[in-house]
Amino acid sequence: MTDLLTAVAMAIALEGIAYALFPDAMKRMMAIALEQPAANLRTAGLVAAVFGVGCVWLIRGG
């Protein structure tokens, strides 16, 4: 459970860094995301989740 909370905290920190360093680019990226159909966002989210789980599995010695 500690590893999960650490990973969530790291994700929040990385996102915060992106907003702090590149606020205009993040605004543009959000505007582009709002224009996309829900199916595209769902597919991209699923691909990212599978990729992330695969990376964790490899790192942890899968």
Foldseek 3Di string as FASTA:
>chain_A
DVVVVVVVVVVVVVVVVCCVVPVPVVVVVVVVVVPDDPVVVVVVVVVVVVVVVVVVCVVVPD
